[in-house]
C-alpha atoms as a PDB file:
ATOM      1  CA  MET A   1      -8.403 -27.225   5.188  1.00  0.00           C
ATOM      2  CA  THR A   2      -6.566 -24.839   3.258  1.00  0.00           C
ATOM      3  CA  ALA A   3      -3.166 -23.393   5.012  1.00  0.00           C
ATOM      4  CA  HIS A   4      -2.044 -20.351   4.226  1.00  0.00           C
ATOM      5  CA  LYS A   5       1.958 -19.228   5.527  1.00  0.00           C
ATOM      6  CA  ILE A   6       2.163 -15.939   6.240  1.00  0.00           C
ATOM      7  CA  ALA A   7       5.303 -13.974   7.666  1.00  0.00           C
ATOM      8  CA  LEU A   8       4.520 -11.386   9.774  1.00  0.00           C
ATOM      9  CA  ILE A   9       6.750  -8.351  10.323  1.00  0.00           C
ATOM     10  CA  PRO A  10       4.956  -5.874  12.727  1.00  0.00           C
ATOM     11  CA  GLY A  11       8.210  -3.744  12.932  1.00  0.00           C
ATOM     12  CA  ASP A  12       8.406  -0.508  14.212  1.00  0.00           C
ATOM     13  CA  GLY A  13       5.854   1.239  17.080  1.00  0.00           C
ATOM     14  CA  ILE A  14       2.700   1.171  16.295  1.00  0.00           C
ATOM     15  CA  GLY A  15       3.227  -1.742  13.158  1.00  0.00           C
ATOM     16  CA  VAL A  16       3.606  -3.848  16.194  1.00  0.00           C
ATOM     17  CA  ASP A  17      -0.567  -3.039  17.853  1.00  0.00           C
ATOM     18  CA  VAL A  18      -2.162  -2.647  14.414  1.00  0.00           C
ATOM     19  CA  THR A  19      -0.187  -6.163  12.966  1.00  0.00           C
ATOM     20  CA  GLU A  20      -1.941  -8.022  16.299  1.00  0.00           C
ATOM     21  CA  ALA A  21      -5.461  -6.253  16.024  1.00  0.00           C
ATOM     22  CA  THR A  22      -5.087  -7.551  11.983  1.00  0.00           C
ATOM     23  CA  MET A  23      -4.546 -10.930  12.849  1.00  0.00           C
ATOM     24  CA  GLN A  24      -7.444 -11.717  15.626  1.00  0.00           C
ATOM     25  CA  VAL A  25     -10.210 -10.086  12.950  1.00  0.00           C
ATOM     26  CA  LEU A  26      -8.096 -12.153  10.037  1.00  0.00           C
ATOM     27  CA  ASP A  27      -7.865 -15.666  12.056  1.00  0.00           C
ATOM     28  CA  ALA A  28     -12.011 -14.615  13.205  1.00  0.00           C
ATOM     29  CA  ALA A  29     -12.648 -15.150   9.159  1.00  0.00           C
ATOM     30  CA  ALA A  30     -10.294 -18.039   9.013  1.00  0.00           C
ATOM     31  CA  ALA A  31     -12.518 -19.840  11.521  1.00  0.00           C
ATOM     32  CA  ARG A  32     -15.231 -19.146   9.861  1.00  0.00           C
ATOM     33  CA  PHE A  33     -14.880 -19.369   6.355  1.00  0.00           C
ATOM     34  CA  GLY A  34     -12.899 -22.868   6.511  1.00  0.00           C
ATOM     35  CA  PHE A  35      -8.754 -22.256   6.211  1.00  0.00           C
ATOM     36  CA  THR A  36      -6.674 -21.524   8.709  1.00  0.00           C
ATOM     37  CA  LEU A  37      -3.479 -18.998   8.523  1.00  0.00           C
ATOM     38  CA  GLU A  38       0.301 -19.833   9.870  1.00  0.00           C
ATOM     39  CA  PRO A  39       1.884 -16.982  11.156  1.00  0.00           C
ATOM     40  CA  THR A  40       5.673 -16.974  11.567  1.00  0.00           C
ATOM     41  CA  ARG A  41       6.632 -13.882  13.248  1.00  0.00           C
ATOM     42  CA  PHE A  42       9.620 -11.769  11.775  1.00  0.00           C
ATOM     43  CA  ASP A  43      11.088  -9.480  14.517  1.00  0.00           C
ATOM     44  CA  TRP A  44      12.811  -7.331  11.914  1.00  0.00           C
ATOM     45  CA  SER A  45      12.755  -3.508  13.290  1.00  0.00           C
ATOM     46  CA  CYS A  46      15.356  -0.002  13.276  1.00  0.00           C
ATOM     47  CA  GLU A  47      15.872  -1.927  16.643  1.00  0.00           C
ATOM     48  CA  THR A  48      17.260  -4.829  14.505  1.00  0.00           C
ATOM     49  CA  TYR A  49      19.300  -2.611  12.826  1.00  0.00           C
ATOM     50  CA  LEU A  50      20.772  -0.937  16.363  1.00  0.00           C
ATOM     51  CA  ALA A  51      21.366  -4.031  17.073  1.00  0.00           C
ATOM     52  CA  THR A  52      22.834  -6.297  14.615  1.00  0.00           C
ATOM     53  CA  GLY A  53      23.698  -3.505  12.060  1.00  0.00           C
ATOM     54  CA  ARG A  54      20.899  -4.774   9.592  1.00  0.00           C
ATOM     55  CA  MET A  55      17.204  -3.835   9.321  1.00  0.00           C
ATOM     56  CA  MET A  56      17.020  -7.331   8.280  1.00  0.00           C
ATOM     57  CA  PRO A  57      19.222  -9.896   8.254  1.00  0.00           C
ATOM     58  CA  GLU A  58      21.616 -11.266   5.272  1.00  0.00           C
ATOM     59  CA  ASP A  59      19.495 -14.097   4.309  1.00  0.00           C
ATOM     60  CA  GLY A  60      16.527 -12.877   5.121  1.00  0.00           C
ATOM     61  CA  ILE A  61      14.604 -12.641   1.456  1.00  0.00           C
ATOM     62  CA  ASP A  62      15.601 -16.325   1.375  1.00  0.00           C
ATOM     63  CA  GLN A  63      13.731 -16.866   4.263  1.00  0.00           C
ATOM     64  CA  LEU A  64      10.244 -15.090   3.070  1.00  0.00           C
ATOM     65  CA  ARG A  65      10.239 -16.928  -0.421  1.00  0.00           C
ATOM     66  CA  PRO A  66       8.603 -19.529   0.981  1.00  0.00           C
ATOM     67  CA  PHE A  67       6.078 -17.513   1.981  1.00  0.00           C
ATOM     68  CA  ASP A  68       2.162 -17.384   0.616  1.00  0.00           C
ATOM     69  CA  ALA A  69       2.425 -13.771   1.398  1.00  0.00           C
ATOM     70  CA  ILE A  70       3.713 -10.918   3.589  1.00  0.00           C
ATOM     71  CA  TYR A  71       2.214  -9.266   5.804  1.00  0.00           C
ATOM     72  CA  LEU A  72       3.758  -5.643   7.309  1.00  0.00           C
ATOM     73  CA  GLY A  73       2.808  -3.453   9.839  1.00  0.00           C
ATOM     74  CA  ALA A  74       5.158  -0.642   9.976  1.00  0.00           C
ATOM     75  CA  VAL A  75       8.797   0.237   9.831  1.00  0.00           C
ATOM     76  CA  GLY A  76      10.750   3.045  11.264  1.00  0.00           C
ATOM     77  CA  TRP A  77      12.362   4.850  13.734  1.00  0.00           C
ATOM     78  CA  PRO A  78      13.445   7.900  12.681  1.00  0.00           C
ATOM     79  CA  ALA A  79      14.506   8.903  16.065  1.00  0.00           C
ATOM     80  CA  THR A  80      17.097   6.737  16.207  1.00  0.00           C
ATOM     81  CA  VAL A  81      17.468   5.429  12.629  1.00  0.00           C
ATOM     82  CA  PRO A  82      17.406   7.420   9.285  1.00  0.00           C
ATOM     83  CA  ASP A  83      14.019   6.997   7.346  1.00  0.00           C
ATOM     84  CA  SER A  84      16.447   6.302   4.065  1.00  0.00           C
ATOM     85  CA  VAL A  85      18.273   2.908   5.921  1.00  0.00           C
ATOM     86  CA  SER A  86      15.030   1.314   7.553  1.00  0.00           C
ATOM     87  CA  LEU A  87      13.421   1.826   3.789  1.00  0.00           C
ATOM     88  CA  HIS A  88      16.159   0.472   2.206  1.00  0.00           C
ATOM     89  CA  GLY A  89      17.149  -1.695   4.571  1.00  0.00           C
ATOM     90  CA  LEU A  90      13.710  -3.399   4.674  1.00  0.00           C
ATOM     91  CA  LEU A  91      10.891  -2.119   2.772  1.00  0.00           C
ATOM     92  CA  LEU A  92      12.448  -1.718  -0.921  1.00  0.00           C
ATOM     93  CA  PRO A  93      14.154  -4.535  -0.991  1.00  0.00           C
ATOM     94  CA  ILE A  94      11.614  -6.967  -0.577  1.00  0.00           C
ATOM     95  CA  ARG A  95       9.165  -5.020  -2.845  1.00  0.00           C
ATOM     96  CA  LYS A  96      12.321  -5.267  -5.832  1.00  0.00           C
ATOM     97  CA  ALA A  97      12.976  -9.256  -4.574  1.00  0.00           C
ATOM     98  CA  PHE A  98       9.941 -10.677  -5.093  1.00  0.00           C
ATOM     99  CA  ASP A  99       9.275  -7.972  -7.899  1.00  0.00           C
ATOM    100  CA  GLN A 100       6.212  -6.840  -6.659  1.00  0.00           C
ATOM    101  CA  TYR A 101       5.613  -3.785  -9.517  1.00  0.00           C
ATOM    102  CA  ALA A 102       2.238  -3.568  -8.727  1.00  0.00           C
ATOM    103  CA  ASN A 103       1.425  -1.290  -5.521  1.00  0.00           C
ATOM    104  CA  ILE A 104      -2.690  -1.378  -5.730  1.00  0.00           C
ATOM    105  CA  ARG A 105      -4.271   1.776  -3.415  1.00  0.00           C
ATOM    106  CA  PRO A 106      -7.921   1.521  -2.874  1.00  0.00           C
ATOM    107  CA  HIS A 107      -9.270   5.242  -2.159  1.00  0.00           C
ATOM    108  CA  ARG A 108     -12.679   5.352  -0.880  1.00  0.00           C
ATOM    109  CA  LEU A 109     -14.819   6.874   1.954  1.00  0.00           C
ATOM    110  CA  LEU A 110     -15.989   4.376   4.927  1.00  0.00           C
ATOM    111  CA  PRO A 111     -19.447   4.586   5.722  1.00  0.00           C
ATOM    112  CA  GLY A 112     -19.986   7.125   8.813  1.00  0.00           C
ATOM    113  CA  VAL A 113     -16.311   8.827   7.393  1.00  0.00           C
ATOM    114  CA  GLU A 114     -16.645  12.267   6.672  1.00  0.00           C
ATOM    115  CA  GLY A 115     -13.438  13.461   4.632  1.00  0.00           C
ATOM    116  CA  PRO A 116     -12.496  16.608   4.426  1.00  0.00           C
ATOM    117  CA  LEU A 117     -14.004  17.884   1.259  1.00  0.00           C
ATOM    118  CA  ARG A 118     -17.345  18.267   0.364  1.00  0.00           C
ATOM    119  CA  ALA A 119     -17.738  14.885  -2.263  1.00  0.00           C
ATOM    120  CA  ASP A 120     -20.465  13.072  -1.825  1.00  0.00           C
ATOM    121  CA  ALA A 121     -18.678  10.210  -2.797  1.00  0.00           C
ATOM    122  CA  PHE A 122     -15.660   9.236  -4.532  1.00  0.00           C
ATOM    123  CA  ASP A 123     -13.827   5.157  -6.042  1.00  0.00           C
ATOM    124  CA  ILE A 124     -10.403   5.465  -7.069  1.00  0.00           C
ATOM    125  CA  LEU A 125      -7.852   3.123  -7.577  1.00  0.00           C
ATOM    126  CA  CYS A 126      -4.436   4.057  -7.296  1.00  0.00           C
ATOM    127  CA  ILE A 127      -1.774   1.865  -9.583  1.00  0.00           C
ATOM    128  CA  ARG A 128       1.714   2.765  -8.471  1.00  0.00           C
ATOM    129  CA  GLU A 129       4.677   1.494  -9.992  1.00  0.00           C
ATOM    130  CA  ASN A 130       7.056  -0.457  -7.708  1.00  0.00           C
ATOM    131  CA  THR A 131      10.622  -0.946  -8.282  1.00  0.00           C
ATOM    132  CA  GLU A 132      11.941   1.034  -9.954  1.00  0.00           C
ATOM    133  CA  GLY A 133      10.958   4.786 -11.943  1.00  0.00           C
ATOM    134  CA  GLU A 134      12.383   7.359  -9.317  1.00  0.00           C
ATOM    135  CA  TYR A 135      13.267   4.515  -6.100  1.00  0.00           C
ATOM    136  CA  SER A 136      15.425   2.759  -8.524  1.00  0.00           C
ATOM    137  CA  GLY A 137      18.625   4.000  -6.300  1.00  0.00           C
ATOM    138  CA  ALA A 138      20.738   4.807  -8.851  1.00  0.00           C
ATOM    139  CA  GLY A 139      22.803   7.498  -8.523  1.00  0.00           C
ATOM    140  CA  GLY A 140      25.581   8.421  -5.775  1.00  0.00           C
ATOM    141  CA  ARG A 141      27.575  11.459  -3.866  1.00  0.00           C
ATOM    142  CA  VAL A 142      31.091  12.831  -4.765  1.00  0.00           C
ATOM    143  CA  HIS A 143      33.324  15.148  -2.796  1.00  0.00           C
ATOM    144  CA  GLN A 144      30.925  14.905   0.006  1.00  0.00           C
ATOM    145  CA  GLY A 145      31.607  18.138   2.243  1.00  0.00           C
ATOM    146  CA  ARG A 146      32.964  20.199  -0.005  1.00  0.00           C
ATOM    147  CA  ASP A 147      31.838  23.049  -2.252  1.00  0.00           C
ATOM    148  CA  ASN A 148      31.805  21.044  -5.240  1.00  0.00           C
ATOM    149  CA  GLU A 149      29.759  18.251  -3.820  1.00  0.00           C
ATOM    150  CA  VAL A 150      27.347  16.299  -6.775  1.00  0.00           C
ATOM    151  CA  ALA A 151      24.710  14.568  -5.481  1.00  0.00           C
ATOM    152  CA  THR A 152      22.787  12.508  -8.225  1.00  0.00           C
ATOM    153  CA  GLU A 153      19.324  10.234  -8.207  1.00  0.00           C
ATOM    154  CA  VAL A 154      18.188   8.485 -11.321  1.00  0.00           C
ATOM    155  CA  ALA A 155      15.204   7.665 -12.766  1.00  0.00           C
ATOM    156  CA  ILE A 156      14.838   4.441 -14.408  1.00  0.00           C
ATOM    157  CA  PHE A 157      12.384   3.760 -16.845  1.00  0.00           C
ATOM    158  CA  THR A 158      12.580   0.359 -18.802  1.00  0.00           C
ATOM    159  CA  ARG A 159       9.815  -0.554 -21.466  1.00  0.00           C
ATOM    160  CA  LYS A 160       9.089  -3.394 -19.803  1.00  0.00           C
ATOM    161  CA  GLY A 161       8.497  -2.151 -16.581  1.00  0.00           C
ATOM    162  CA  VAL A 162       6.581  -0.082 -17.722  1.00  0.00           C
ATOM    163  CA  GLU A 163       4.816  -1.343 -19.971  1.00  0.00           C
ATOM    164  CA  ARG A 164       3.007  -3.970 -17.363  1.00  0.00           C
ATOM    165  CA  ILE A 165       2.322  -1.378 -14.549  1.00  0.00           C
ATOM    166  CA  ILE A 166       0.197   0.222 -17.374  1.00  0.00           C
ATOM    167  CA  ARG A 167      -1.520  -3.544 -18.466  1.00  0.00           C
ATOM    168  CA  PHE A 168      -2.024  -4.328 -14.812  1.00  0.00           C
ATOM    169  CA  GLY A 169      -3.947  -0.479 -14.436  1.00  0.00           C
ATOM    170  CA  PHE A 170      -6.180  -0.795 -17.807  1.00  0.00           C
ATOM    171  CA  ALA A 171      -7.319  -4.626 -16.023  1.00  0.00           C
ATOM    172  CA  GLN A 172      -8.360  -3.258 -13.059  1.00  0.00           C
ATOM    173  CA  ALA A 173      -9.792  -0.266 -15.002  1.00  0.00           C
ATOM    174  CA  ARG A 174     -11.799  -2.956 -17.537  1.00  0.00           C
ATOM    175  CA  ALA A 175     -13.212  -4.583 -13.878  1.00  0.00           C
ATOM    176  CA  ARG A 176     -14.060  -1.480 -12.781  1.00  0.00           C
ATOM    177  CA  ARG A 177     -15.906   1.847 -14.420  1.00  0.00           C
ATOM    178  CA  LYS A 178     -13.797   1.598 -17.540  1.00  0.00           C
ATOM    179  CA  HIS A 179     -11.925   4.384 -17.295  1.00  0.00           C
ATOM    180  CA  LEU A 180      -8.322   4.818 -16.576  1.00  0.00           C
ATOM    181  CA  THR A 181      -6.328   8.106 -16.246  1.00  0.00           C
ATOM    182  CA  SER A 182      -2.173   8.083 -16.576  1.00  0.00           C
ATOM    183  CA  VAL A 183      -0.250  10.736 -14.755  1.00  0.00           C
ATOM    184  CA  THR A 184       3.117  11.719 -15.453  1.00  0.00           C
ATOM    185  CA  LYS A 185       5.244  15.116 -16.297  1.00  0.00           C
ATOM    186  CA  SER A 186       5.905  14.996 -19.724  1.00  0.00           C
ATOM    187  CA  ASN A 187       5.645  18.594 -20.636  1.00  0.00           C
ATOM    188  CA  ALA A 188       8.943  18.965 -18.166  1.00  0.00           C
ATOM    189  CA  GLN A 189      10.254  15.181 -18.463  1.00  0.00           C
ATOM    190  CA  LYS A 190      10.803  14.804 -22.301  1.00  0.00           C
ATOM    191  CA  TYR A 191      11.949  11.576 -21.972  1.00  0.00           C
ATOM    192  CA  SER A 192      11.303   9.658 -19.305  1.00  0.00           C
ATOM    193  CA  MET A 193       7.786  10.892 -19.089  1.00  0.00           C
ATOM    194  CA  VAL A 194       7.102  11.212 -22.643  1.00  0.00           C
ATOM    195  CA  PHE A 195       8.207   7.469 -22.810  1.00  0.00           C
ATOM    196  CA  TRP A 196       5.596   6.718 -20.381  1.00  0.00           C
ATOM    197  CA  ASP A 197       2.814   8.320 -22.248  1.00  0.00           C
ATOM    198  CA  GLU A 198       4.206   6.912 -25.599  1.00  0.00           C
ATOM    199  CA  VAL A 199       4.042   3.543 -24.155  1.00  0.00           C
ATOM    200  CA  THR A 200       0.805   3.797 -22.147  1.00  0.00           C
ATOM    201  CA  GLN A 201      -0.878   4.687 -25.813  1.00  0.00           C
ATOM    202  CA  GLN A 202       0.456   1.917 -27.386  1.00  0.00           C
ATOM    203  CA  VAL A 203      -1.042  -0.178 -24.842  1.00  0.00           C
ATOM    204  CA  ALA A 204      -4.761   1.218 -25.190  1.00  0.00           C
ATOM    205  CA  ALA A 205      -4.763  -0.254 -28.158  1.00  0.00           C
ATOM    206  CA  GLU A 206      -5.082  -3.461 -26.120  1.00  0.00           C
ATOM    207  CA  TYR A 207      -7.925  -2.263 -24.604  1.00  0.00           C
ATOM    208  CA  PRO A 208     -10.851  -0.439 -26.899  1.00  0.00           C
ATOM    209  CA  ASP A 209     -13.461  -0.829 -24.002  1.00  0.00           C
ATOM    210  CA  VAL A 210     -11.582   1.310 -21.531  1.00  0.00           C
ATOM    211  CA  THR A 211     -11.244   4.880 -21.845  1.00  0.00           C
ATOM    212  CA  VAL A 212      -7.912   6.498 -21.579  1.00  0.00           C
ATOM    213  CA  SER A 213      -6.863   9.842 -19.824  1.00  0.00           C
ATOM    214  CA  HIS A 214      -3.218  11.964 -19.841  1.00  0.00           C
ATOM    215  CA  MET A 215      -3.319  14.098 -16.606  1.00  0.00           C
ATOM    216  CA  HIS A 216       0.067  16.130 -15.693  1.00  0.00           C
ATOM    217  CA  ILE A 217       0.968  15.260 -11.805  1.00  0.00           C
ATOM    218  CA  ASP A 218       0.004  19.094 -10.848  1.00  0.00           C
ATOM    219  CA  ALA A 219      -3.228  18.799 -12.501  1.00  0.00           C
ATOM    220  CA  MET A 220      -3.578  15.457 -11.195  1.00  0.00           C
ATOM    221  CA  ALA A 221      -3.306  16.759  -6.975  1.00  0.00           C
ATOM    222  CA  ALA A 222      -5.487  19.333  -7.601  1.00  0.00           C
ATOM    223  CA  LYS A 223      -8.129  17.183  -9.917  1.00  0.00           C
ATOM    224  CA  MET A 224      -8.350  14.688  -7.074  1.00  0.00           C
ATOM    225  CA  VAL A 225      -9.164  17.849  -4.954  1.00  0.00           C
ATOM    226  CA  MET A 226     -11.637  19.122  -6.904  1.00  0.00           C
ATOM    227  CA  ALA A 227     -13.134  16.777  -8.446  1.00  0.00           C
ATOM    228  CA  PRO A 228     -12.748  12.986  -7.460  1.00  0.00           C
ATOM    229  CA  GLY A 229     -15.769  11.430  -8.360  1.00  0.00           C
ATOM    230  CA  ASP A 230     -14.596  11.861 -11.639  1.00  0.00           C
ATOM    231  CA  LEU A 231     -11.803   9.195 -11.096  1.00  0.00           C
ATOM    232  CA  ASP A 232     -11.092   5.947 -11.743  1.00  0.00           C
ATOM    233  CA  VAL A 233      -8.097   4.174 -12.020  1.00  0.00           C
ATOM    234  CA  VAL A 234      -5.221   5.912 -11.924  1.00  0.00           C
ATOM    235  CA  VAL A 235      -1.844   4.533 -12.845  1.00  0.00           C
ATOM    236  CA  ALA A 236       1.377   6.193 -12.027  1.00  0.00           C
ATOM    237  CA  SER A 237       5.499   6.232 -11.502  1.00  0.00           C
ATOM    238  CA  ASN A 238       6.821   5.209  -7.843  1.00  0.00           C
ATOM    239  CA  LEU A 239       7.161   8.958  -6.721  1.00  0.00           C
ATOM    240  CA  PHE A 240       4.548   9.918  -8.084  1.00  0.00           C
ATOM    241  CA  GLY A 241       1.881   7.291  -7.708  1.00  0.00           C
ATOM    242  CA  ASP A 242       4.014   7.524  -3.746  1.00  0.00           C
ATOM    243  CA  ILE A 243       2.498  11.191  -3.595  1.00  0.00           C
ATOM    244  CA  LEU A 244      -1.188  10.841  -4.786  1.00  0.00           C
ATOM    245  CA  THR A 245      -1.870   8.110  -2.609  1.00  0.00           C
ATOM    246  CA  ASP A 246      -1.242  10.261   0.745  1.00  0.00           C
ATOM    247  CA  LEU A 247      -3.308  12.771  -0.902  1.00  0.00           C
ATOM    248  CA  GLY A 248      -5.886  10.041  -1.595  1.00  0.00           C
ATOM    249  CA  ALA A 249      -5.732   9.178   2.006  1.00  0.00           C
ATOM    250  CA  ALA A 250      -6.086  12.266   3.032  1.00  0.00           C
ATOM    251  CA  ILE A 251      -9.256  12.871   1.179  1.00  0.00           C
ATOM    252  CA  GLN A 252     -10.779   9.095   2.346  1.00  0.00           C
ATOM    253  CA  GLY A 253      -9.784  10.418   6.682  1.00  0.00           C
ATOM    254  CA  GLY A 254      -6.650  10.043   7.403  1.00  0.00           C
ATOM    255  CA  LEU A 255      -3.708   7.882   7.052  1.00  0.00           C
ATOM    256  CA  GLY A 256      -5.581   5.178   9.439  1.00  0.00           C
ATOM    257  CA  PHE A 257      -8.359   3.963   6.772  1.00  0.00           C
ATOM    258  CA  ALA A 258      -5.414   3.440   4.189  1.00  0.00           C
ATOM    259  CA  ALA A 259      -4.670   0.583   2.643  1.00  0.00           C
ATOM    260  CA  SER A 260      -2.177  -1.103   0.012  1.00  0.00           C
ATOM    261  CA  ALA A 261      -0.908  -4.379  -1.206  1.00  0.00           C
ATOM    262  CA  ASN A 262       2.369  -4.907  -3.013  1.00  0.00           C
ATOM    263  CA  ILE A 263       1.986  -7.546  -5.999  1.00  0.00           C
ATOM    264  CA  CYS A 264       3.804  -9.800  -7.503  1.00  0.00           C
ATOM    265  CA  PRO A 265       1.361 -10.593 -10.625  1.00  0.00           C
ATOM    266  CA  ASP A 266       2.990 -13.734 -11.757  1.00  0.00           C
ATOM    267  CA  ARG A 267       3.307 -14.665  -8.273  1.00  0.00           C
ATOM    268  CA  SER A 268       6.687 -15.918  -8.437  1.00  0.00           C
ATOM    269  CA  GLY A 269       7.394 -14.458  -5.360  1.00  0.00           C
ATOM    270  CA  PRO A 270       5.015 -13.911  -2.117  1.00  0.00           C
ATOM    271  CA  SER A 271       3.017 -10.324  -2.537  1.00  0.00           C
ATOM    272  CA  MET A 272       3.327  -8.267   0.683  1.00  0.00           C
ATOM    273  CA  PHE A 273       0.385  -6.060   1.986  1.00  0.00           C
ATOM    274  CA  GLU A 274       0.530  -3.162   4.817  1.00  0.00           C
ATOM    275  CA  PRO A 275      -1.210  -0.354   6.121  1.00  0.00           C
ATOM    276  CA  VAL A 276       0.018   3.105   4.202  1.00  0.00           C
ATOM    277  CA  HIS A 277       0.787   4.550   7.376  1.00  0.00           C
ATOM    278  CA  GLY A 278       4.103   5.056   9.336  1.00  0.00           C
ATOM    279  CA  SER A 279       4.988   3.601  12.417  1.00  0.00           C
ATOM    280  CA  ALA A 280       4.049   6.687  15.153  1.00  0.00           C
ATOM    281  CA  PRO A 281       6.840   5.916  18.009  1.00  0.00           C
ATOM    282  CA  ASP A 282       4.958   8.921  19.894  1.00  0.00           C
ATOM    283  CA  ILE A 283       1.576   6.487  20.389  1.00  0.00           C
ATOM    284  CA  ALA A 284       3.768   2.842  20.203  1.00  0.00           C
ATOM    285  CA  GLY A 285       2.084   1.021  22.663  1.00  0.00           C
ATOM    286  CA  LYS A 286      -0.584   3.251  24.370  1.00  0.00           C
ATOM    287  CA  ASN A 287      -3.620   1.483  22.515  1.00  0.00           C
ATOM    288  CA  ILE A 288      -4.556   4.448  20.737  1.00  0.00           C
ATOM    289  CA  ALA A 289      -3.653   3.429  16.809  1.00  0.00           C
ATOM    290  CA  ASN A 290      -6.225   2.861  14.703  1.00  0.00           C
ATOM    291  CA  PRO A 291      -5.917  -0.715  13.369  1.00  0.00           C
ATOM    292  CA  ILE A 292      -8.776  -0.169   9.950  1.00  0.00           C
ATOM    293  CA  ALA A 293      -6.044   0.704   6.924  1.00  0.00           C
ATOM    294  CA  ALA A 294      -4.307  -2.633   8.323  1.00  0.00           C
ATOM    295  CA  ILE A 295      -7.292  -4.835   8.952  1.00  0.00           C
ATOM    296  CA  TRP A 296      -8.152  -3.738   5.063  1.00  0.00           C
ATOM    297  CA  SER A 297      -4.775  -4.388   4.022  1.00  0.00           C
ATOM    298  CA  GLY A 298      -5.959  -7.645   5.945  1.00  0.00           C
ATOM    299  CA  ALA A 299      -8.411  -8.154   3.810  1.00  0.00           C
ATOM    300  CA  MET A 300      -6.468  -7.816   0.623  1.00  0.00           C
ATOM    301  CA  MET A 301      -4.039 -10.269   1.392  1.00  0.00           C
ATOM    302  CA  LEU A 302      -6.935 -12.714   2.253  1.00  0.00           C
ATOM    303  CA  ASP A 303      -8.669 -11.265  -1.066  1.00  0.00           C
ATOM    304  CA  HIS A 304      -5.289 -12.182  -2.713  1.00  0.00           C
ATOM    305  CA  LEU A 305      -5.322 -15.830  -1.585  1.00  0.00           C
ATOM    306  CA  GLY A 306      -7.917 -16.705  -3.155  1.00  0.00           C
ATOM    307  CA  GLU A 307      -9.967 -16.286   0.097  1.00  0.00           C
ATOM    308  CA  LYS A 308     -12.731 -13.593  -1.604  1.00  0.00           C
ATOM    309  CA  PRO A 309     -15.423 -14.956   0.968  1.00  0.00           C
ATOM    310  CA  ALA A 310     -13.736 -13.748   4.000  1.00  0.00           C
ATOM    311  CA  ALA A 311     -12.001 -10.986   2.101  1.00  0.00           C
ATOM    312  CA  ASP A 312     -15.656  -9.411   2.067  1.00  0.00           C
ATOM    313  CA  ALA A 313     -17.084 -10.027   5.137  1.00  0.00           C
ATOM    314  CA  VAL A 314     -14.129  -9.201   6.588  1.00  0.00           C
ATOM    315  CA  LEU A 315     -14.124  -5.606   4.726  1.00  0.00           C
ATOM    316  CA  ALA A 316     -17.980  -5.376   5.108  1.00  0.00           C
ATOM    317  CA  ALA A 317     -17.690  -5.386   9.268  1.00  0.00           C
ATOM    318  CA  VAL A 318     -15.279  -2.675   9.443  1.00  0.00           C
ATOM    319  CA  GLU A 319     -17.873  -0.623   7.008  1.00  0.00           C
ATOM    320  CA  ALA A 320     -20.016  -1.707   9.614  1.00  0.00           C
ATOM    321  CA  ALA A 321     -18.409  -0.738  12.386  1.00  0.00           C
ATOM    322  CA  THR A 322     -16.989   2.732  11.298  1.00  0.00           C
ATOM    323  CA  ALA A 323     -21.358   3.104   9.598  1.00  0.00           C
ATOM    324  CA  LYS A 324     -21.807   3.780  13.919  1.00  0.00           C
ATOM    325  CA  GLY A 325     -18.841   6.021  13.858  1.00  0.00           C
ATOM    326  CA  ILE A 326     -16.283   3.272  15.532  1.00  0.00           C
ATOM    327  CA  GLY A 327     -12.701   4.356  14.992  1.00  0.00           C
ATOM    328  CA  ILE A 328     -14.288   7.803  12.349  1.00  0.00           C
ATOM    329  CA  ARG A 329     -12.221  10.634  13.470  1.00  0.00           C
ATOM    330  CA  PRO A 330      -8.209  10.392  15.677  1.00  0.00           C
ATOM    331  CA  GLY A 331      -8.980   9.505  19.321  1.00  0.00           C
ATOM    332  CA  SER A 332     -12.838   8.589  19.054  1.00  0.00           C
ATOM    333  CA  HIS A 333     -11.271   4.640  20.136  1.00  0.00           C
ATOM    334  CA  GLY A 334      -8.549   3.083  20.738  1.00  0.00           C
ATOM    335  CA  THR A 335      -6.682   0.187  19.237  1.00  0.00           C
ATOM    336  CA  ASP A 336      -8.923  -2.032  21.150  1.00  0.00           C
ATOM    337  CA  ALA A 337     -11.883  -1.248  21.129  1.00  0.00           C
ATOM    338  CA  ILE A 338     -12.483  -0.428  17.161  1.00  0.00           C
ATOM    339  CA  THR A 339     -10.869  -4.389  16.839  1.00  0.00           C
ATOM    340  CA  ALA A 340     -13.725  -5.573  19.220  1.00  0.00           C
ATOM    341  CA  ALA A 341     -16.284  -4.015  16.904  1.00  0.00           C
ATOM    342  CA  ILE A 342     -15.044  -5.390  13.573  1.00  0.00           C
ATOM    343  CA  LEU A 343     -15.434  -8.929  15.055  1.00  0.00           C
ATOM    344  CA  SER A 344     -18.559  -8.094  16.333  1.00  0.00           C
ATOM    345  CA  ALA A 345     -19.052  -7.197  13.637  1.00  0.00           C
ATOM    346  CA  LEU A 346     -17.863 -10.156  11.905  1.00  0.00           C
ATOM    347  CA  GLU A 347     -19.326 -12.344  13.906  1.00  0.00           C
ATOM    348  CA  ASP A 348     -23.137 -10.636  13.257  1.00  0.00           C
ATOM    349  CA  ARG A 349     -22.496 -12.027   9.682  1.00  0.00           C
ATOM    350  CA  ALA A 350     -22.055 -15.956  10.271  1.00  0.00           C
END
């Protein structure tokens, strides 16, 4: 029997709640499809930072390296630890250390869920560059607190980094509806974004069967609201992809439905899976959090691990639950009730 070693980082707030819910569902799927998940829990969080001055131990990356995948609940407790500290102390270092350069975020309406737009259906796969660009961490501040203070944030784009994320996007488009939209702001950012456009055109020659569109970030935001059904695969830089995927989450009904995967495509290190939502400290531990985004992310993890039938069954169980009205509106059902409905649907498909 295949055993997959999973590093569990529940993190902060509702991250703990949704991680527990996800593992219940994934364990049930594993039992049904004849494999096992062997989780090791790492209690790295803002609480860890307050106690030790670090979000994770100095050798945290080395501790994670042997695992087949990483599952992250949520990170952040802004009342005590600035988000800039928690993000740069845990999430971003993991993404960069394991070269998880492809951030995948699916956006579509689940059965029974009504989004805020009058759209019959939409199905967008956003591919976000995940290790460089605007989140490279290059820059600094000088003369702090004085009237001549200077702050710089340098966006770093390498040919290798842009080529590989564009190529990854084309591969996804080829497997879907064969349409890729590349998002930049090359009319205003005449170096990095013009470079991105040029690389996209060069890579496009390798995929003559895929239609390519180029859009500026502002036009794309409008397109996602006005005509989301026209879009298939969307590829964007770190910052632009971050913004667009939150918009996509809103269109699909809210962050409670937004799943994501941080993929290391060559599998030289573990990939990481996480719901897009934050830690929501105000509802932590109250059996309120919607675990659907987390469970969907777990299904993406199973798929990545080669357990596609189990992944498909988990997502089908989520869809069966939402089709019955379970978890489709904020506050309509608690964490335990949504999890139980998904487990029941999974059992019914046995």
